[in-house]
Amino acid sequence: MLSNKPWDTAAGVLIAREAGARVTDLDGRDHDLTSTATIAFAPGVGDQLLDALSEDGLP
C-alpha cells in the first residue's frame, strides 16, 4: 500500500490552496497532517468529485 508522509504532500497542498483549490481527504474533511489521501479540486466540483470517488469503491 502506498503511504505518503506529510512532507511528501505539504508543498503541493500549499500551492493548490494558494491557487484557490480546495484540498481534502477522501471523506471531504480539510486536508491536514493526519489525512490518508490528498484530493485537490476547484471550488464547485468537490461534492461531485468526492461522490464519484466513493462510488468507485475507494476507501
Foldseek 3Di string as FASTA:
>chain_A
DDFDACVRCVVVCVVLVVVQWFWPALVRHGDDRPHRDIDTDHPPCVVVVSVVVVVVVDD
